[in-house]
N, C-alpha and C. Protein backbone atom coordinates (compact mmCIF):
# COMPACT_ATOMS: atom_id res chain seq x y z
N MET A 1 -3.92 -122.20 -27.45
CA MET A 1 -2.94 -121.12 -27.54
C MET A 1 -2.66 -120.81 -29.02
N SER A 2 -2.74 -119.51 -29.35
CA SER A 2 -2.54 -119.12 -30.73
C SER A 2 -1.06 -119.21 -31.12
N PHE A 3 -0.83 -119.18 -32.42
CA PHE A 3 0.54 -119.29 -32.92
C PHE A 3 1.38 -118.08 -32.51
N TYR A 4 0.82 -116.89 -32.61
CA TYR A 4 1.58 -115.67 -32.29
C TYR A 4 1.92 -115.59 -30.80
N ARG A 5 1.00 -116.08 -29.97
CA ARG A 5 1.28 -116.07 -28.53
C ARG A 5 2.41 -117.04 -28.20
N ALA A 6 2.39 -118.23 -28.80
CA ALA A 6 3.46 -119.20 -28.56
C ALA A 6 4.79 -118.68 -29.10
N LEU A 7 4.76 -118.04 -30.28
CA LEU A 7 5.99 -117.48 -30.83
C LEU A 7 6.56 -116.38 -29.94
N SER A 8 5.68 -115.53 -29.42
CA SER A 8 6.14 -114.46 -28.53
C SER A 8 6.77 -115.02 -27.27
N LYS A 9 6.17 -116.02 -26.68
CA LYS A 9 6.73 -116.63 -25.47
C LYS A 9 8.10 -117.23 -25.75
N GLN A 10 8.25 -117.89 -26.91
CA GLN A 10 9.53 -118.50 -27.24
C GLN A 10 10.61 -117.45 -27.47
N LEU A 11 10.25 -116.36 -28.14
CA LEU A 11 11.22 -115.29 -28.38
C LEU A 11 11.65 -114.64 -27.07
N ILE A 12 10.71 -114.40 -26.18
CA ILE A 12 11.05 -113.80 -24.89
C ILE A 12 11.92 -114.73 -24.07
N LYS A 13 11.63 -116.03 -24.12
CA LYS A 13 12.44 -116.99 -23.38
C LYS A 13 13.87 -117.02 -23.91
N ASN A 14 14.04 -117.02 -25.22
CA ASN A 14 15.38 -117.01 -25.79
C ASN A 14 16.12 -115.71 -25.46
N TYR A 15 15.40 -114.59 -25.45
CA TYR A 15 16.03 -113.31 -25.15
C TYR A 15 16.51 -113.27 -23.71
N VAL A 16 15.71 -113.80 -22.78
CA VAL A 16 16.12 -113.82 -21.38
C VAL A 16 17.34 -114.71 -21.18
N ASN A 17 17.39 -115.82 -21.90
CA ASN A 17 18.54 -116.72 -21.73
C ASN A 17 19.82 -116.12 -22.31
N GLN A 18 19.70 -115.34 -23.39
CA GLN A 18 20.87 -114.79 -24.05
C GLN A 18 21.23 -113.39 -23.56
N ARG A 19 20.40 -112.82 -22.71
CA ARG A 19 20.65 -111.45 -22.28
C ARG A 19 21.91 -111.41 -21.41
N ALA A 20 22.77 -110.42 -21.67
CA ALA A 20 24.01 -110.31 -20.92
C ALA A 20 23.73 -109.69 -19.55
N VAL A 21 24.41 -110.23 -18.54
CA VAL A 21 24.26 -109.68 -17.19
C VAL A 21 24.93 -108.31 -17.11
N VAL A 22 26.08 -108.15 -17.77
CA VAL A 22 26.79 -106.88 -17.82
C VAL A 22 26.35 -106.12 -19.05
N PRO A 23 25.98 -104.85 -18.92
CA PRO A 23 25.57 -104.08 -20.11
C PRO A 23 26.67 -104.03 -21.15
N TRP A 24 26.27 -103.78 -22.37
CA TRP A 24 27.23 -103.81 -23.49
C TRP A 24 28.28 -102.72 -23.35
N TYR A 25 27.90 -101.57 -22.77
CA TYR A 25 28.86 -100.49 -22.67
C TYR A 25 29.87 -100.71 -21.55
N GLN A 26 29.64 -101.72 -20.70
CA GLN A 26 30.59 -102.06 -19.66
C GLN A 26 31.41 -103.30 -20.00
N GLN A 27 31.10 -103.93 -21.10
CA GLN A 27 31.85 -105.10 -21.51
C GLN A 27 33.17 -104.69 -22.18
N GLU A 28 34.11 -105.55 -22.10
CA GLU A 28 35.41 -105.27 -22.70
C GLU A 28 35.29 -105.32 -24.22
N GLN A 29 35.70 -104.22 -24.85
CA GLN A 29 35.60 -104.12 -26.30
C GLN A 29 36.88 -104.70 -26.93
N LYS A 30 36.70 -105.68 -27.80
CA LYS A 30 37.82 -106.30 -28.49
C LYS A 30 38.00 -105.67 -29.86
N LEU A 31 39.22 -105.26 -30.15
CA LEU A 31 39.53 -104.65 -31.44
C LEU A 31 39.87 -105.72 -32.47
N SER A 32 39.60 -105.38 -33.71
CA SER A 32 39.95 -106.29 -34.78
C SER A 32 41.46 -106.22 -35.05
N ILE A 33 41.92 -107.08 -35.93
CA ILE A 33 43.35 -107.10 -36.26
C ILE A 33 43.78 -105.79 -36.91
N PHE A 34 42.92 -105.27 -37.80
CA PHE A 34 43.25 -104.00 -38.47
C PHE A 34 43.26 -102.85 -37.46
N GLU A 35 42.29 -102.84 -36.54
CA GLU A 35 42.25 -101.78 -35.52
C GLU A 35 43.44 -101.85 -34.58
N GLU A 36 43.87 -103.06 -34.25
CA GLU A 36 45.06 -103.21 -33.43
C GLU A 36 46.30 -102.68 -34.17
N TRP A 37 46.39 -102.95 -35.46
CA TRP A 37 47.54 -102.46 -36.23
C TRP A 37 47.53 -100.93 -36.32
N VAL A 38 46.36 -100.34 -36.53
CA VAL A 38 46.27 -98.88 -36.58
C VAL A 38 46.63 -98.27 -35.24
N LYS A 39 46.14 -98.88 -34.16
CA LYS A 39 46.43 -98.36 -32.83
C LYS A 39 47.90 -98.43 -32.49
N ASP A 40 48.58 -99.50 -32.87
CA ASP A 40 49.98 -99.71 -32.49
C ASP A 40 50.96 -99.06 -33.46
N THR A 41 50.57 -98.86 -34.72
CA THR A 41 51.52 -98.40 -35.73
C THR A 41 51.21 -97.00 -36.26
N VAL A 42 49.96 -96.79 -36.67
CA VAL A 42 49.62 -95.53 -37.36
C VAL A 42 49.37 -94.41 -36.37
N TYR A 43 48.61 -94.67 -35.33
CA TYR A 43 48.21 -93.59 -34.42
C TYR A 43 49.40 -92.92 -33.72
N PRO A 44 50.43 -93.65 -33.23
CA PRO A 44 51.57 -92.95 -32.62
C PRO A 44 52.26 -91.98 -33.58
N VAL A 45 52.39 -92.37 -34.84
CA VAL A 45 53.01 -91.46 -35.82
C VAL A 45 52.11 -90.26 -36.08
N TRP A 46 50.79 -90.50 -36.17
CA TRP A 46 49.84 -89.41 -36.38
C TRP A 46 49.85 -88.44 -35.22
N PHE A 47 49.91 -88.96 -34.01
CA PHE A 47 49.90 -88.07 -32.84
C PHE A 47 51.22 -87.31 -32.72
N LYS A 48 52.33 -87.94 -33.07
CA LYS A 48 53.65 -87.31 -32.90
C LYS A 48 53.88 -86.19 -33.89
N TYR A 49 53.43 -86.36 -35.13
CA TYR A 49 53.77 -85.39 -36.17
C TYR A 49 52.60 -84.51 -36.61
N VAL A 50 51.35 -84.87 -36.27
CA VAL A 50 50.21 -84.09 -36.75
C VAL A 50 49.35 -83.59 -35.58
N LYS A 51 48.73 -84.49 -34.86
CA LYS A 51 47.76 -84.09 -33.85
C LYS A 51 48.43 -83.40 -32.67
N GLY A 52 49.52 -83.96 -32.17
CA GLY A 52 50.19 -83.36 -31.02
C GLY A 52 50.70 -81.96 -31.28
N PRO A 53 51.48 -81.73 -32.35
CA PRO A 53 51.94 -80.35 -32.63
C PRO A 53 50.80 -79.37 -32.86
N TYR A 54 49.73 -79.81 -33.53
CA TYR A 54 48.62 -78.89 -33.78
C TYR A 54 47.93 -78.50 -32.48
N GLU A 55 47.66 -79.47 -31.60
CA GLU A 55 47.03 -79.13 -30.32
C GLU A 55 47.94 -78.26 -29.46
N ARG A 56 49.25 -78.51 -29.51
CA ARG A 56 50.18 -77.67 -28.77
C ARG A 56 50.17 -76.24 -29.30
N TYR A 57 50.12 -76.09 -30.63
CA TYR A 57 50.07 -74.76 -31.22
C TYR A 57 48.80 -74.03 -30.80
N GLN A 58 47.67 -74.71 -30.84
CA GLN A 58 46.42 -74.08 -30.43
C GLN A 58 46.47 -73.65 -28.97
N TYR A 59 47.02 -74.49 -28.10
CA TYR A 59 47.12 -74.15 -26.68
C TYR A 59 48.00 -72.92 -26.47
N GLU A 60 49.18 -72.91 -27.09
CA GLU A 60 50.08 -71.77 -26.93
C GLU A 60 49.47 -70.50 -27.53
N HIS A 61 48.75 -70.62 -28.60
CA HIS A 61 48.11 -69.45 -29.21
C HIS A 61 47.05 -68.87 -28.28
N ASN A 62 46.23 -69.73 -27.66
CA ASN A 62 45.22 -69.24 -26.72
C ASN A 62 45.85 -68.60 -25.49
N VAL A 63 46.93 -69.20 -24.98
CA VAL A 63 47.62 -68.63 -23.83
C VAL A 63 48.19 -67.26 -24.17
N ALA A 64 48.77 -67.12 -25.35
CA ALA A 64 49.34 -65.83 -25.76
C ALA A 64 48.25 -64.76 -25.88
N ASP A 65 47.10 -65.13 -26.43
CA ASP A 65 46.01 -64.15 -26.55
C ASP A 65 45.50 -63.71 -25.18
N LEU A 66 45.36 -64.66 -24.26
CA LEU A 66 44.88 -64.31 -22.93
C LEU A 66 45.89 -63.43 -22.19
N ARG A 67 47.16 -63.75 -22.30
CA ARG A 67 48.17 -62.93 -21.66
C ARG A 67 48.25 -61.54 -22.26
N MET A 68 47.99 -61.41 -23.55
CA MET A 68 48.07 -60.12 -24.21
C MET A 68 47.02 -59.16 -23.65
N TYR A 69 45.86 -59.69 -23.27
CA TYR A 69 44.79 -58.86 -22.71
C TYR A 69 44.70 -58.95 -21.19
N GLY A 70 45.55 -59.76 -20.56
CA GLY A 70 45.53 -59.87 -19.11
C GLY A 70 44.33 -60.60 -18.57
N LEU A 71 43.82 -61.59 -19.29
CA LEU A 71 42.63 -62.33 -18.89
C LEU A 71 42.99 -63.73 -18.41
N MET A 72 42.03 -64.34 -17.71
CA MET A 72 42.09 -65.75 -17.36
C MET A 72 41.12 -66.51 -18.29
N PHE A 73 41.37 -67.80 -18.43
CA PHE A 73 40.51 -68.60 -19.32
C PHE A 73 39.07 -68.62 -18.83
N ASP A 74 38.87 -68.68 -17.51
CA ASP A 74 37.51 -68.72 -16.95
C ASP A 74 36.79 -67.39 -17.08
N ASP A 75 37.50 -66.32 -17.41
CA ASP A 75 36.83 -65.04 -17.62
C ASP A 75 36.00 -65.03 -18.89
N GLN A 76 36.21 -65.99 -19.78
CA GLN A 76 35.50 -66.03 -21.06
C GLN A 76 34.16 -66.73 -20.99
N HIS A 77 33.81 -67.29 -19.84
CA HIS A 77 32.52 -67.99 -19.73
C HIS A 77 31.36 -67.02 -19.95
N ASN A 78 30.32 -67.52 -20.57
CA ASN A 78 29.13 -66.72 -20.86
C ASN A 78 28.28 -66.60 -19.59
N THR A 79 28.15 -65.39 -19.08
CA THR A 79 27.39 -65.18 -17.85
C THR A 79 25.89 -65.27 -18.07
N ASN A 80 25.42 -65.40 -19.32
CA ASN A 80 23.99 -65.58 -19.57
C ASN A 80 23.53 -67.01 -19.33
N GLU A 81 24.47 -67.93 -19.21
CA GLU A 81 24.10 -69.31 -18.89
C GLU A 81 23.76 -69.41 -17.40
N PRO A 82 22.71 -70.15 -17.05
CA PRO A 82 22.29 -70.20 -15.64
C PRO A 82 23.37 -70.72 -14.70
N VAL A 83 24.13 -71.73 -15.12
CA VAL A 83 25.16 -72.29 -14.24
C VAL A 83 26.26 -71.28 -13.99
N ILE A 84 26.72 -70.59 -15.04
CA ILE A 84 27.78 -69.60 -14.89
C ILE A 84 27.28 -68.40 -14.08
N GLU A 85 26.03 -68.02 -14.30
CA GLU A 85 25.49 -66.90 -13.53
C GLU A 85 25.45 -67.22 -12.04
N ARG A 86 25.06 -68.45 -11.70
CA ARG A 86 25.05 -68.84 -10.30
C ARG A 86 26.47 -68.94 -9.75
N ALA A 87 27.40 -69.44 -10.55
CA ALA A 87 28.80 -69.54 -10.10
C ALA A 87 29.40 -68.18 -9.84
N VAL A 88 29.08 -67.19 -10.68
CA VAL A 88 29.58 -65.83 -10.46
C VAL A 88 29.03 -65.26 -9.16
N GLU A 89 27.77 -65.58 -8.85
CA GLU A 89 27.20 -65.12 -7.59
C GLU A 89 27.87 -65.78 -6.38
N LEU A 90 28.39 -66.98 -6.56
CA LEU A 90 29.04 -67.69 -5.46
C LEU A 90 30.49 -67.28 -5.27
N LEU A 91 31.06 -66.52 -6.19
CA LEU A 91 32.47 -66.14 -6.07
C LEU A 91 32.69 -65.27 -4.83
N PRO A 92 33.81 -65.46 -4.14
CA PRO A 92 34.15 -64.54 -3.05
C PRO A 92 34.37 -63.12 -3.57
N HIS A 93 34.37 -62.17 -2.64
CA HIS A 93 34.44 -60.77 -3.04
C HIS A 93 35.74 -60.46 -3.78
N ASP A 94 36.85 -60.99 -3.31
CA ASP A 94 38.13 -60.66 -3.94
C ASP A 94 38.21 -61.25 -5.36
N LEU A 95 37.74 -62.49 -5.55
CA LEU A 95 37.77 -63.08 -6.89
C LEU A 95 36.80 -62.37 -7.84
N ALA A 96 35.65 -61.98 -7.33
CA ALA A 96 34.68 -61.29 -8.19
C ALA A 96 35.21 -59.92 -8.63
N VAL A 97 35.82 -59.20 -7.70
CA VAL A 97 36.38 -57.89 -8.04
C VAL A 97 37.54 -58.04 -9.03
N SER A 98 38.41 -59.03 -8.80
CA SER A 98 39.53 -59.24 -9.72
C SER A 98 39.03 -59.60 -11.11
N ARG A 99 38.01 -60.44 -11.18
CA ARG A 99 37.45 -60.82 -12.48
C ARG A 99 36.88 -59.60 -13.19
N TYR A 100 36.14 -58.77 -12.48
CA TYR A 100 35.55 -57.58 -13.10
C TYR A 100 36.64 -56.62 -13.59
N ARG A 101 37.67 -56.41 -12.79
CA ARG A 101 38.73 -55.48 -13.19
C ARG A 101 39.52 -56.01 -14.39
N ARG A 102 39.75 -57.31 -14.44
CA ARG A 102 40.44 -57.88 -15.60
C ARG A 102 39.64 -57.67 -16.88
N MET A 103 38.32 -57.88 -16.80
CA MET A 103 37.48 -57.73 -17.98
C MET A 103 37.40 -56.28 -18.43
N MET A 104 37.32 -55.34 -17.49
CA MET A 104 37.29 -53.93 -17.85
C MET A 104 38.64 -53.50 -18.44
N ARG A 105 39.73 -54.00 -17.89
CA ARG A 105 41.04 -53.68 -18.44
C ARG A 105 41.20 -54.24 -19.84
N ALA A 106 40.73 -55.47 -20.06
CA ALA A 106 40.82 -56.07 -21.40
C ALA A 106 39.97 -55.28 -22.40
N PHE A 107 38.81 -54.81 -21.97
CA PHE A 107 37.97 -54.01 -22.87
C PHE A 107 38.67 -52.71 -23.25
N GLU A 108 39.30 -52.06 -22.29
CA GLU A 108 40.02 -50.82 -22.58
C GLU A 108 41.23 -51.07 -23.48
N ILE A 109 41.96 -52.18 -23.23
CA ILE A 109 43.12 -52.50 -24.08
C ILE A 109 42.67 -52.78 -25.51
N ASN A 110 41.57 -53.51 -25.66
CA ASN A 110 41.07 -53.80 -27.00
C ASN A 110 40.60 -52.53 -27.70
N THR A 111 40.02 -51.61 -26.94
CA THR A 111 39.57 -50.36 -27.54
C THR A 111 40.74 -49.51 -28.01
N LYS A 112 41.82 -49.50 -27.25
CA LYS A 112 43.00 -48.70 -27.60
C LYS A 112 43.94 -49.40 -28.58
N LYS A 113 43.61 -50.64 -28.98
CA LYS A 113 44.42 -51.40 -29.93
C LYS A 113 45.86 -51.56 -29.44
N CYS A 114 46.00 -51.95 -28.19
CA CYS A 114 47.33 -52.18 -27.63
C CYS A 114 47.30 -53.49 -26.85
N HIS A 115 48.35 -53.78 -26.06
CA HIS A 115 48.41 -55.01 -25.30
C HIS A 115 49.02 -54.71 -23.93
N LEU A 116 48.92 -55.69 -23.05
CA LEU A 116 49.45 -55.55 -21.71
C LEU A 116 50.98 -55.50 -21.77
N PRO A 117 51.63 -54.73 -20.90
CA PRO A 117 53.11 -54.74 -20.89
C PRO A 117 53.66 -56.15 -20.73
N VAL A 118 54.79 -56.39 -21.38
CA VAL A 118 55.37 -57.74 -21.38
C VAL A 118 55.72 -58.19 -19.98
N GLU A 119 56.19 -57.29 -19.13
CA GLU A 119 56.58 -57.68 -17.79
C GLU A 119 55.40 -58.10 -16.93
N GLU A 120 54.15 -57.79 -17.34
CA GLU A 120 52.96 -58.19 -16.60
C GLU A 120 52.28 -59.42 -17.20
N GLN A 121 52.87 -60.02 -18.23
CA GLN A 121 52.27 -61.19 -18.88
C GLN A 121 52.84 -62.51 -18.38
N ASN A 122 53.63 -62.47 -17.35
CA ASN A 122 54.25 -63.69 -16.82
C ASN A 122 53.33 -64.32 -15.77
N TYR A 123 52.27 -64.95 -16.25
CA TYR A 123 51.34 -65.65 -15.35
C TYR A 123 50.67 -66.76 -16.14
N ASP A 124 50.00 -67.66 -15.43
CA ASP A 124 49.34 -68.79 -16.06
C ASP A 124 47.85 -68.49 -16.18
N PRO A 125 47.33 -68.25 -17.38
CA PRO A 125 45.90 -67.93 -17.51
C PRO A 125 44.98 -69.14 -17.49
N MET A 126 45.54 -70.34 -17.43
CA MET A 126 44.72 -71.55 -17.49
C MET A 126 44.35 -72.10 -16.12
N ILE A 127 44.57 -71.34 -15.07
CA ILE A 127 44.18 -71.80 -13.72
C ILE A 127 42.66 -71.73 -13.61
N PRO A 128 41.98 -72.85 -13.41
CA PRO A 128 40.50 -72.84 -13.37
C PRO A 128 39.97 -72.38 -12.01
N TYR A 129 40.02 -71.08 -11.76
CA TYR A 129 39.61 -70.58 -10.45
C TYR A 129 38.10 -70.67 -10.24
N MET A 130 37.32 -70.82 -11.31
CA MET A 130 35.86 -70.92 -11.17
C MET A 130 35.36 -72.35 -11.13
N ALA A 131 36.24 -73.34 -11.28
CA ALA A 131 35.80 -74.73 -11.35
C ALA A 131 35.03 -75.18 -10.11
N PRO A 132 35.54 -74.95 -8.88
CA PRO A 132 34.75 -75.40 -7.71
C PRO A 132 33.42 -74.69 -7.57
N PHE A 133 33.35 -73.44 -7.99
CA PHE A 133 32.09 -72.70 -7.87
C PHE A 133 31.09 -73.14 -8.93
N ILE A 134 31.58 -73.55 -10.11
CA ILE A 134 30.69 -74.09 -11.13
C ILE A 134 30.10 -75.42 -10.67
N GLU A 135 30.92 -76.26 -10.06
CA GLU A 135 30.39 -77.54 -9.55
C GLU A 135 29.38 -77.30 -8.43
N GLU A 136 29.64 -76.33 -7.56
CA GLU A 136 28.69 -76.02 -6.49
C GLU A 136 27.39 -75.46 -7.07
N ALA A 137 27.50 -74.65 -8.13
CA ALA A 137 26.29 -74.13 -8.77
C ALA A 137 25.47 -75.25 -9.40
N LYS A 138 26.14 -76.21 -10.04
CA LYS A 138 25.42 -77.35 -10.61
C LYS A 138 24.70 -78.15 -9.53
N PHE A 139 25.38 -78.35 -8.40
CA PHE A 139 24.77 -79.11 -7.30
C PHE A 139 23.56 -78.37 -6.74
N GLN A 140 23.67 -77.06 -6.56
CA GLN A 140 22.56 -76.30 -6.02
C GLN A 140 21.36 -76.30 -6.97
N MET A 141 21.61 -76.12 -8.25
CA MET A 141 20.51 -76.10 -9.21
C MET A 141 19.85 -77.47 -9.33
N GLN A 142 20.64 -78.54 -9.27
CA GLN A 142 20.05 -79.87 -9.30
C GLN A 142 19.21 -80.13 -8.06
N GLU A 143 19.69 -79.69 -6.92
CA GLU A 143 18.93 -79.88 -5.68
C GLU A 143 17.63 -79.08 -5.72
N GLU A 144 17.68 -77.86 -6.24
CA GLU A 144 16.46 -77.06 -6.33
C GLU A 144 15.45 -77.69 -7.28
N GLN A 145 15.92 -78.21 -8.40
CA GLN A 145 15.01 -78.85 -9.35
C GLN A 145 14.37 -80.10 -8.76
N GLU A 146 15.13 -80.86 -7.99
CA GLU A 146 14.57 -82.05 -7.36
C GLU A 146 13.55 -81.68 -6.29
N LEU A 147 13.83 -80.63 -5.52
CA LEU A 147 12.88 -80.23 -4.48
C LEU A 147 11.61 -79.65 -5.06
N LEU A 148 11.72 -78.94 -6.18
CA LEU A 148 10.55 -78.34 -6.81
C LEU A 148 9.88 -79.26 -7.81
N ASN A 149 10.44 -80.47 -7.99
CA ASN A 149 9.90 -81.43 -8.96
C ASN A 149 9.83 -80.78 -10.34
N PHE A 150 10.92 -80.16 -10.73
CA PHE A 150 10.99 -79.43 -11.99
C PHE A 150 11.28 -80.37 -13.13
N HIS A 151 10.63 -80.11 -14.26
CA HIS A 151 10.89 -80.84 -15.48
C HIS A 151 11.17 -79.84 -16.60
N PRO A 152 12.02 -80.19 -17.56
CA PRO A 152 12.32 -79.24 -18.64
C PRO A 152 11.08 -78.80 -19.41
N TRP A 153 10.07 -79.67 -19.53
CA TRP A 153 8.89 -79.30 -20.29
C TRP A 153 7.97 -78.36 -19.51
N ASP A 154 8.28 -78.10 -18.21
CA ASP A 154 7.51 -77.13 -17.43
C ASP A 154 8.06 -75.72 -17.56
N ASP A 155 9.14 -75.53 -18.31
CA ASP A 155 9.74 -74.21 -18.45
C ASP A 155 8.78 -73.29 -19.19
N ALA A 156 8.59 -72.08 -18.66
CA ALA A 156 7.63 -71.15 -19.26
C ALA A 156 8.04 -70.73 -20.66
N SER A 157 9.36 -70.74 -20.93
CA SER A 157 9.82 -70.32 -22.24
C SER A 157 9.52 -71.34 -23.32
N THR A 158 9.23 -72.61 -22.94
CA THR A 158 8.96 -73.65 -23.93
C THR A 158 7.49 -74.04 -23.98
N VAL A 159 6.64 -73.45 -23.13
CA VAL A 159 5.22 -73.78 -23.09
C VAL A 159 4.45 -72.67 -23.79
N ALA A 160 3.52 -73.04 -24.66
CA ALA A 160 2.72 -72.05 -25.38
C ALA A 160 1.83 -71.29 -24.40
N GLN A 161 1.87 -69.97 -24.47
CA GLN A 161 1.07 -69.13 -23.61
C GLN A 161 -0.23 -68.76 -24.31
N PRO A 162 -1.34 -68.61 -23.56
CA PRO A 162 -2.61 -68.20 -24.18
C PRO A 162 -2.53 -66.76 -24.64
N PRO A 163 -3.40 -66.35 -25.58
CA PRO A 163 -3.39 -64.96 -26.01
C PRO A 163 -3.77 -64.02 -24.89
N ALA A 164 -3.42 -62.75 -25.06
CA ALA A 164 -3.67 -61.77 -24.00
C ALA A 164 -5.15 -61.61 -23.74
N SER A 165 -6.00 -61.76 -24.79
CA SER A 165 -7.44 -61.59 -24.61
C SER A 165 -8.07 -62.72 -23.82
N ALA A 166 -7.37 -63.86 -23.69
CA ALA A 166 -7.94 -65.01 -22.99
C ALA A 166 -7.31 -65.25 -21.64
N ARG A 167 -6.44 -64.36 -21.20
CA ARG A 167 -5.80 -64.54 -19.90
C ARG A 167 -6.76 -64.15 -18.78
N PRO A 168 -6.64 -64.76 -17.61
CA PRO A 168 -7.59 -64.47 -16.52
C PRO A 168 -7.46 -63.04 -16.03
N LEU A 169 -8.62 -62.47 -15.72
CA LEU A 169 -8.65 -61.11 -15.21
C LEU A 169 -8.37 -61.10 -13.72
N PRO A 170 -7.87 -59.99 -13.19
CA PRO A 170 -7.67 -59.92 -11.73
C PRO A 170 -8.99 -59.99 -10.99
N THR A 171 -9.01 -60.66 -9.87
CA THR A 171 -10.21 -60.84 -9.08
C THR A 171 -10.53 -59.57 -8.30
N PRO A 172 -11.73 -58.99 -8.45
CA PRO A 172 -12.05 -57.78 -7.69
C PRO A 172 -12.23 -58.11 -6.22
N PRO A 173 -11.91 -57.18 -5.35
CA PRO A 173 -12.08 -57.44 -3.91
C PRO A 173 -13.55 -57.54 -3.56
N SER A 174 -13.88 -58.48 -2.68
CA SER A 174 -15.27 -58.68 -2.27
C SER A 174 -15.63 -57.71 -1.16
N PRO A 175 -16.85 -57.15 -1.19
CA PRO A 175 -17.26 -56.24 -0.12
C PRO A 175 -17.30 -56.96 1.22
N PRO A 176 -17.12 -56.21 2.29
CA PRO A 176 -17.16 -56.86 3.62
C PRO A 176 -18.54 -57.43 3.90
N GLY A 177 -18.57 -58.64 4.43
CA GLY A 177 -19.82 -59.28 4.78
C GLY A 177 -20.37 -60.15 3.69
N GLU A 178 -19.82 -60.09 2.50
CA GLU A 178 -20.30 -60.92 1.41
C GLU A 178 -19.33 -62.06 1.14
N GLY A 179 -19.72 -62.96 0.29
CA GLY A 179 -18.89 -64.12 -0.02
C GLY A 179 -17.71 -63.75 -0.89
N VAL A 180 -17.00 -64.78 -1.32
CA VAL A 180 -15.84 -64.58 -2.17
C VAL A 180 -16.29 -64.13 -3.53
N ALA A 181 -15.60 -63.17 -4.11
CA ALA A 181 -15.97 -62.65 -5.42
C ALA A 181 -15.81 -63.73 -6.48
N MET A 182 -16.62 -63.60 -7.52
CA MET A 182 -16.56 -64.57 -8.62
C MET A 182 -15.23 -64.44 -9.34
N ARG A 183 -14.62 -65.55 -9.62
CA ARG A 183 -13.34 -65.58 -10.32
C ARG A 183 -13.59 -65.88 -11.79
N HIS A 184 -12.90 -65.16 -12.64
CA HIS A 184 -12.97 -65.38 -14.08
C HIS A 184 -11.69 -66.08 -14.50
N SER A 185 -11.80 -67.26 -15.07
CA SER A 185 -10.63 -68.02 -15.48
C SER A 185 -10.75 -68.36 -16.96
N TRP A 186 -9.77 -67.91 -17.73
CA TRP A 186 -9.69 -68.17 -19.16
C TRP A 186 -10.96 -67.72 -19.89
N VAL A 187 -11.40 -66.52 -19.55
CA VAL A 187 -12.56 -65.94 -20.21
C VAL A 187 -12.09 -64.75 -21.03
N PRO A 188 -12.44 -64.64 -22.30
CA PRO A 188 -12.00 -63.48 -23.09
C PRO A 188 -12.47 -62.18 -22.47
N ARG A 189 -11.64 -61.17 -22.59
CA ARG A 189 -11.97 -59.89 -22.00
C ARG A 189 -13.23 -59.30 -22.62
N SER A 190 -13.45 -59.58 -23.91
CA SER A 190 -14.63 -59.00 -24.57
C SER A 190 -15.92 -59.52 -23.96
N LEU A 191 -15.91 -60.75 -23.38
CA LEU A 191 -17.12 -61.31 -22.78
C LEU A 191 -17.33 -60.87 -21.36
N THR A 192 -16.28 -60.37 -20.71
CA THR A 192 -16.41 -59.98 -19.30
C THR A 192 -16.71 -58.50 -19.14
N ARG A 193 -16.59 -57.74 -20.22
CA ARG A 193 -16.88 -56.32 -20.13
C ARG A 193 -18.37 -56.09 -20.37
N GLY A 194 -18.94 -55.27 -19.56
CA GLY A 194 -20.35 -54.95 -19.72
C GLY A 194 -20.59 -53.96 -20.83
N PRO A 195 -21.84 -53.70 -21.17
CA PRO A 195 -22.15 -52.71 -22.23
C PRO A 195 -21.76 -51.32 -21.78
N ALA A 196 -21.36 -50.53 -22.75
CA ALA A 196 -20.97 -49.16 -22.44
C ALA A 196 -22.18 -48.35 -22.02
N VAL A 197 -22.05 -47.55 -20.99
CA VAL A 197 -23.14 -46.73 -20.43
C VAL A 197 -22.93 -45.31 -20.88
N THR A 198 -23.93 -44.70 -21.53
CA THR A 198 -23.85 -43.33 -22.02
C THR A 198 -24.60 -42.41 -21.09
N GLU A 199 -24.54 -41.11 -21.38
CA GLU A 199 -25.25 -40.13 -20.55
C GLU A 199 -26.75 -40.27 -20.71
N GLY A 200 -27.21 -40.66 -21.92
CA GLY A 200 -28.64 -40.83 -22.13
C GLY A 200 -29.19 -41.99 -21.34
N ASP A 201 -28.40 -43.08 -21.19
CA ASP A 201 -28.89 -44.22 -20.40
C ASP A 201 -29.00 -43.86 -18.94
N LYS A 202 -28.09 -42.99 -18.46
CA LYS A 202 -28.17 -42.62 -17.04
C LYS A 202 -29.42 -41.80 -16.75
N ASN A 203 -29.84 -40.97 -17.71
CA ASN A 203 -31.04 -40.14 -17.50
C ASN A 203 -32.29 -40.99 -17.67
């Protein structure tokens, strides 16, 4: 037995003996003395006077902007994303119509440089009315990908396409009574075209 083989066996044996049964990310993380002091002393003061008021201000500012235009928070989702596009298709008729009318009203208000009347701004724009439909869209897309055995690297947008001159030509129909027509696959168009026939050649 060579030295490297014996060394490898010994290293593997020690690794198996020392390997934790519970993964590291599931083990209880122990903080140091300094981290315990920061957690118990510094962080409460930081959250009370800095982080908490700032996050509250941001939340109230977003709510005020949404109420000014009469929008809901879920109306801001990008419909070009596949999950959001599927979720919009799953919306019931009344929710879809309400969403469309809110967006058109907000566009008109923004164009006219005005805001919604104050008496109509008394509502909660943070109600996630699209949340169940987004989860259903994620489930449907995951199920479709599993059934089709889809992989991200099979996406046509990420795979290099051959040049137009090397793409397969359409198969001509075979005459009745004859075999299947010859198929051209990945043959340049210049090689599949016959010589040009002139009037002199016909005579």
